[in-house]
Amino acid sequence: MTGTIVVCDVEDPGVSFVEVPEHTSVNFNYLNDICYTVFAGEDMLMVRRYYIDEEEPQVLTVRFLISKMNWNAHKWEEIQTLGEHSVFIGKNSS
């Protein structure tokens, strides 16, 4: 799954693009994945959920990978903890 986030700065006219890259550090080709973009405090996070589709409506979540946006470098950096924050996600929302 890849995509693009468009960043518009109203104080400094212009548009920049931040790619949502294919995750390549771990091979999960046998799994489906979906990305959720959420905020935890002032941090923008991308939560990637890997799952196996069972018979509807069952979905078996296998793993989460969470990245934080580094706005200075315009890239995602994988994180290991949410610190004091919690994130709630569902099949179609976060």
C-alpha atoms as a PDB file:
ATOM      1  CA  MET A   1       0.000   0.000   0.000  1.00  0.00           C
ATOM      2  CA  THR A   2       1.433   3.360  -1.008  1.00  0.00           C
ATOM      3  CA  GLY A   3       0.008   6.848  -1.134  1.00  0.00           C
ATOM      4  CA  THR A   4       0.693  10.535  -0.704  1.00  0.00           C
ATOM      5  CA  ILE A   5      -0.105  13.109   1.962  1.00  0.00           C
ATOM      6  CA  VAL A   6      -0.333  16.664   0.680  1.00  0.00           C
ATOM      7  CA  VAL A   7       1.023  19.346   3.031  1.00  0.00           C
ATOM      8  CA  CYS A   8      -0.215  22.919   2.530  1.00  0.00           C
ATOM      9  CA  ASP A   9       1.400  25.687   4.576  1.00  0.00           C
ATOM     10  CA  VAL A  10      -0.880  28.752   4.657  1.00  0.00           C
ATOM     11  CA  GLU A  11       1.869  31.021   6.036  1.00  0.00           C
ATOM     12  CA  ASP A  12       4.488  30.023   3.453  1.00  0.00           C
ATOM     13  CA  PRO A  13       2.580  29.491   0.192  1.00  0.00           C
ATOM     14  CA  GLY A  14       3.407  26.260  -1.475  1.00  0.00           C
ATOM     15  CA  VAL A  15       2.560  22.613  -1.438  1.00  0.00           C
ATOM     16  CA  SER A  16       4.759  19.672  -0.543  1.00  0.00           C
ATOM     17  CA  PHE A  17       4.097  15.977  -0.763  1.00  0.00           C
ATOM     18  CA  VAL A  18       4.940  13.249   1.748  1.00  0.00           C
ATOM     19  CA  GLU A  19       4.976   9.708   0.389  1.00  0.00           C
ATOM     20  CA  VAL A  20       3.444   6.819   2.322  1.00  0.00           C
ATOM     21  CA  PRO A  21       6.030   4.185   1.407  1.00  0.00           C
ATOM     22  CA  GLU A  22       5.670   0.460   1.104  1.00  0.00           C
ATOM     23  CA  HIS A  23       6.972  -1.015   4.364  1.00  0.00           C
ATOM     24  CA  THR A  24      10.043  -3.059   3.452  1.00  0.00           C
ATOM     25  CA  SER A  25      11.821  -3.847   6.722  1.00  0.00           C
ATOM     26  CA  VAL A  26       9.640  -6.910   7.341  1.00  0.00           C
ATOM     27  CA  ASN A  27       8.108  -9.186   4.723  1.00  0.00           C
ATOM     28  CA  PHE A  28       4.351  -9.432   5.326  1.00  0.00           C
ATOM     29  CA  ASN A  29       3.383 -10.240   1.737  1.00  0.00           C
ATOM     30  CA  TYR A  30       0.920 -12.906   2.885  1.00  0.00           C
ATOM     31  CA  LEU A  31      -1.072 -10.365   4.913  1.00  0.00           C
ATOM     32  CA  ASN A  32      -3.468  -7.575   4.014  1.00  0.00           C
ATOM     33  CA  ASP A  33      -2.757  -4.137   5.427  1.00  0.00           C
ATOM     34  CA  ILE A  34      -4.531  -0.855   5.997  1.00  0.00           C
ATOM     35  CA  CYS A  35      -3.123   2.491   7.137  1.00  0.00           C
ATOM     36  CA  TYR A  36      -4.696   4.877   9.600  1.00  0.00           C
ATOM     37  CA  THR A  37      -3.484   8.446  10.088  1.00  0.00           C
ATOM     38  CA  VAL A  38      -4.046   9.709  13.635  1.00  0.00           C
ATOM     39  CA  PHE A  39      -2.744  12.394  15.955  1.00  0.00           C
ATOM     40  CA  ALA A  40      -1.299  11.647  19.395  1.00  0.00           C
ATOM     41  CA  GLY A  41      -0.801  14.987  21.063  1.00  0.00           C
ATOM     42  CA  GLU A  42       0.994  17.084  18.429  1.00  0.00           C
ATOM     43  CA  ASP A  43       2.488  14.066  16.639  1.00  0.00           C
ATOM     44  CA  MET A  44       1.036  12.757  13.404  1.00  0.00           C
ATOM     45  CA  LEU A  45       1.166   8.966  13.364  1.00  0.00           C
ATOM     46  CA  MET A  46       0.644   6.379  10.671  1.00  0.00           C
ATOM     47  CA  VAL A  47      -0.646   3.126  12.139  1.00  0.00           C
ATOM     48  CA  ARG A  48      -0.302   0.234   9.698  1.00  0.00           C
ATOM     49  CA  ARG A  49      -2.425  -2.760  10.650  1.00  0.00           C
ATOM     50  CA  TYR A  50      -1.622  -6.163   9.159  1.00  0.00           C
ATOM     51  CA  TYR A  51      -4.493  -8.628   9.138  1.00  0.00           C
ATOM     52  CA  ILE A  52      -5.836 -11.861   7.725  1.00  0.00           C
ATOM     53  CA  ASP A  53      -9.328 -11.789   6.262  1.00  0.00           C
ATOM     54  CA  GLU A  54     -11.354 -14.533   7.846  1.00  0.00           C
ATOM     55  CA  GLU A  55     -14.985 -15.115   6.965  1.00  0.00           C
ATOM     56  CA  GLU A  56     -16.843 -11.803   7.126  1.00  0.00           C
ATOM     57  CA  PRO A  57     -17.169 -10.024   9.480  1.00  0.00           C
ATOM     58  CA  GLN A  58     -14.157 -11.661  11.170  1.00  0.00           C
ATOM     59  CA  VAL A  59     -10.754 -10.049  10.671  1.00  0.00           C
ATOM     60  CA  LEU A  60      -7.701 -11.359  12.514  1.00  0.00           C
ATOM     61  CA  THR A  61      -5.199  -8.587  13.277  1.00  0.00           C
ATOM     62  CA  VAL A  62      -1.672  -9.965  13.319  1.00  0.00           C
ATOM     63  CA  ARG A  63       0.588  -6.944  13.823  1.00  0.00           C
ATOM     64  CA  PHE A  64       0.755  -3.150  14.032  1.00  0.00           C
ATOM     65  CA  LEU A  65       3.613  -0.946  12.820  1.00  0.00           C
ATOM     66  CA  ILE A  66       3.545   2.676  13.944  1.00  0.00           C
ATOM     67  CA  SER A  67       5.481   5.545  12.387  1.00  0.00           C
ATOM     68  CA  LYS A  68       5.701   9.205  13.383  1.00  0.00           C
ATOM     69  CA  MET A  69       5.966  12.012  10.849  1.00  0.00           C
ATOM     70  CA  ASN A  70       9.253  13.925  10.974  1.00  0.00           C
ATOM     71  CA  TRP A  71       8.090  17.254   9.530  1.00  0.00           C
ATOM     72  CA  ASN A  72      11.641  18.601   9.142  1.00  0.00           C
ATOM     73  CA  ALA A  73      12.721  15.701   6.922  1.00  0.00           C
ATOM     74  CA  HIS A  74       9.236  14.979   5.490  1.00  0.00           C
ATOM     75  CA  LYS A  75       9.550  11.281   6.208  1.00  0.00           C
ATOM     76  CA  TRP A  76       8.034   8.633   8.438  1.00  0.00           C
ATOM     77  CA  GLU A  77      10.122   7.262  11.317  1.00  0.00           C
ATOM     78  CA  GLU A  78       9.108   3.982  12.934  1.00  0.00           C
ATOM     79  CA  ILE A  79       8.461   4.210  16.687  1.00  0.00           C
ATOM     80  CA  GLN A  80       8.231   1.480  19.316  1.00  0.00           C
ATOM     81  CA  THR A  81       5.967   3.137  21.905  1.00  0.00           C
ATOM     82  CA  LEU A  82       3.101   5.623  22.099  1.00  0.00           C
ATOM     83  CA  GLY A  83       4.381   6.955  25.407  1.00  0.00           C
ATOM     84  CA  GLU A  84       1.480   8.333  27.423  1.00  0.00           C
ATOM     85  CA  HIS A  85      -0.952   8.235  24.466  1.00  0.00           C
ATOM     86  CA  SER A  86      -3.534   5.690  23.361  1.00  0.00           C
ATOM     87  CA  VAL A  87      -4.855   5.118  19.862  1.00  0.00           C
ATOM     88  CA  PHE A  88      -8.214   3.535  19.031  1.00  0.00           C
ATOM     89  CA  ILE A  89      -8.760   2.163  15.554  1.00  0.00           C
ATOM     90  CA  GLY A  90     -11.473   0.091  13.964  1.00  0.00           C
ATOM     91  CA  LYS A  91     -12.154  -1.511  10.629  1.00  0.00           C
ATOM     92  CA  ASN A  92     -13.114   1.767   8.958  1.00  0.00           C
ATOM     93  CA  SER A  93     -12.098   4.536  11.358  1.00  0.00           C
ATOM     94  CA  SER A  94      -9.616   5.795  13.888  1.00  0.00           C
END
